[in-house]
């Protein structure tokens, strides 16, 4: 007698193919998902990511401002050196204000700086 509960071979092969196709689809989705996660990580969080790029841009802007301030200081100091080496009036002014030097017999009167008057 024949076994009634047994399925024909071609149906078993079809089921096996469907299982393989289903497994391949699941595997493909997993690989694509992991790939997307890796790409997102590199674009957003990695060393070359967007966040790192914005930090670098902000730091560069900060350094440019610092550099401008230092160049301005350098220019002012260069001008001051030039004045101190050539301008005798400026040398006398610095000696009087910064070091409190006075000429013989000279009386110095110091007045407090004027405060801005808000009633005007």
Protein backbone atom coordinates (compact mmCIF):
# COMPACT_ATOMS: atom_id res chain seq x y z
CA UNK A 1 0.00 0.00 0.00
CA UNK A 2 0.96 3.49 -0.65
CA UNK A 3 1.57 6.00 2.08
CA UNK A 4 -1.26 8.49 1.85
CA UNK A 5 0.24 11.13 4.13
CA UNK A 6 3.37 11.54 2.13
CA UNK A 7 3.55 14.63 -0.13
CA UNK A 8 4.82 14.38 -3.65
CA UNK A 9 8.49 15.22 -4.29
CA UNK A 10 7.87 18.26 -6.42
CA UNK A 11 5.85 19.85 -3.59
CA UNK A 12 8.67 19.18 -1.14
CA UNK A 13 11.15 20.80 -3.51
CA UNK A 14 8.92 23.85 -3.89
CA UNK A 15 8.60 24.19 -0.12
CA UNK A 16 12.38 23.92 0.26
CA UNK A 17 12.89 26.59 -2.40
CA UNK A 18 10.36 28.85 -0.66
CA UNK A 19 12.20 28.37 2.66
CA UNK A 20 15.52 29.24 0.99
CA UNK A 21 14.04 32.30 -0.68
CA UNK A 22 12.48 33.40 2.61
CA UNK A 23 15.80 32.90 4.42
CA UNK A 24 17.67 34.80 1.70
CA UNK A 25 15.21 37.70 1.94
CA UNK A 26 15.59 37.85 5.72
CA UNK A 27 19.36 37.68 5.41
CA UNK A 28 19.35 40.43 2.76
CA UNK A 29 17.21 42.67 5.01
CA UNK A 30 19.57 42.10 7.93
CA UNK A 31 22.65 42.88 5.83
CA UNK A 32 21.05 46.03 4.41
CA UNK A 33 19.96 47.12 7.90
CA UNK A 34 23.44 46.62 9.33
CA UNK A 35 24.92 48.45 6.33
CA UNK A 36 22.58 51.40 6.86
CA UNK A 37 23.48 51.53 10.56
CA UNK A 38 27.19 51.53 9.70
CA UNK A 39 26.72 54.30 7.12
CA UNK A 40 24.72 56.39 9.59
CA UNK A 41 27.47 55.93 12.18
CA UNK A 42 30.15 57.07 9.75
CA UNK A 43 28.14 60.06 8.51
CA UNK A 44 27.01 61.24 11.93
CA UNK A 45 29.33 59.97 14.63
CA UNK A 46 32.62 58.93 13.12
CA UNK A 47 35.80 60.97 12.85
CA UNK A 48 34.70 62.18 9.43
CA UNK A 49 31.06 62.54 10.45
CA UNK A 50 28.83 65.58 10.45
CA UNK A 51 29.16 66.21 14.19
CA UNK A 52 32.93 66.09 14.03
CA UNK A 53 32.91 68.33 10.98
CA UNK A 54 30.79 70.99 12.73
CA UNK A 55 33.08 70.86 15.78
CA UNK A 56 36.08 71.38 13.52
CA UNK A 57 34.40 74.33 11.79
CA UNK A 58 33.56 75.99 15.13
CA UNK A 59 37.09 75.40 16.42
CA UNK A 60 38.55 76.88 13.24
CA UNK A 61 36.35 80.00 13.60
CA UNK A 62 37.49 80.32 17.22
CA UNK A 63 41.14 80.04 16.19
CA UNK A 64 40.65 82.66 13.47
CA UNK A 65 39.21 85.09 16.04
CA UNK A 66 42.11 84.42 18.40
CA UNK A 67 44.55 84.94 15.55
CA UNK A 68 42.92 88.27 14.63
CA UNK A 69 43.16 89.44 18.24
CA UNK A 70 46.82 88.41 18.46
CA UNK A 71 47.63 90.14 15.17
CA UNK A 72 45.95 93.31 16.47
CA UNK A 73 47.99 93.11 19.68
CA UNK A 74 51.16 92.57 17.68
CA UNK A 75 50.39 95.58 15.50
CA UNK A 76 49.72 97.77 18.54
CA UNK A 77 52.95 96.65 20.19
CA UNK A 78 54.90 97.32 17.00
CA UNK A 79 53.47 100.86 16.88
CA UNK A 80 54.31 101.38 20.55
CA UNK A 81 57.89 100.21 19.98
CA UNK A 82 58.18 102.60 17.04
CA UNK A 83 56.88 105.50 19.15
CA UNK A 84 59.17 104.64 22.07
CA UNK A 85 62.20 104.61 19.81
CA UNK A 86 61.45 107.92 18.02
CA UNK A 87 58.88 110.11 19.84
CA UNK A 88 60.36 111.90 22.87
CA UNK A 89 56.99 113.38 23.88
CA UNK A 90 55.48 109.88 24.04
CA UNK A 91 58.46 108.64 26.10
CA UNK A 92 57.97 111.51 28.56
CA UNK A 93 54.23 110.82 28.75
CA UNK A 94 54.82 107.13 29.53
CA UNK A 95 57.46 108.00 32.13
CA UNK A 96 55.09 110.41 33.86
CA UNK A 97 51.91 108.30 33.81
CA UNK A 98 53.24 104.80 34.19
CA UNK A 99 56.28 105.38 36.41
CA UNK A 100 55.23 108.58 38.24
CA UNK A 101 58.34 110.52 37.21
CA UNK A 102 58.34 114.31 37.64
CA UNK A 103 60.75 117.10 36.84
CA UNK A 104 62.64 118.86 39.65
CA UNK A 105 60.44 121.40 41.42
CA UNK A 106 57.30 120.19 39.63
CA UNK A 107 54.07 119.61 41.56
CA UNK A 108 51.68 116.97 40.27
CA UNK A 109 47.94 117.22 40.79
CA UNK A 110 45.97 114.02 40.22
CA UNK A 111 42.26 114.25 39.65
CA UNK A 112 39.91 111.29 39.69
CA UNK A 113 38.53 110.38 36.29
CA UNK A 114 35.21 111.94 35.46
CA UNK A 115 32.20 109.71 35.81
CA UNK A 116 29.60 109.85 33.07
CA UNK A 117 26.70 111.96 34.22
CA UNK A 118 23.31 110.44 33.41
CA UNK A 119 21.43 113.70 34.16
CA UNK A 120 22.68 115.46 31.05
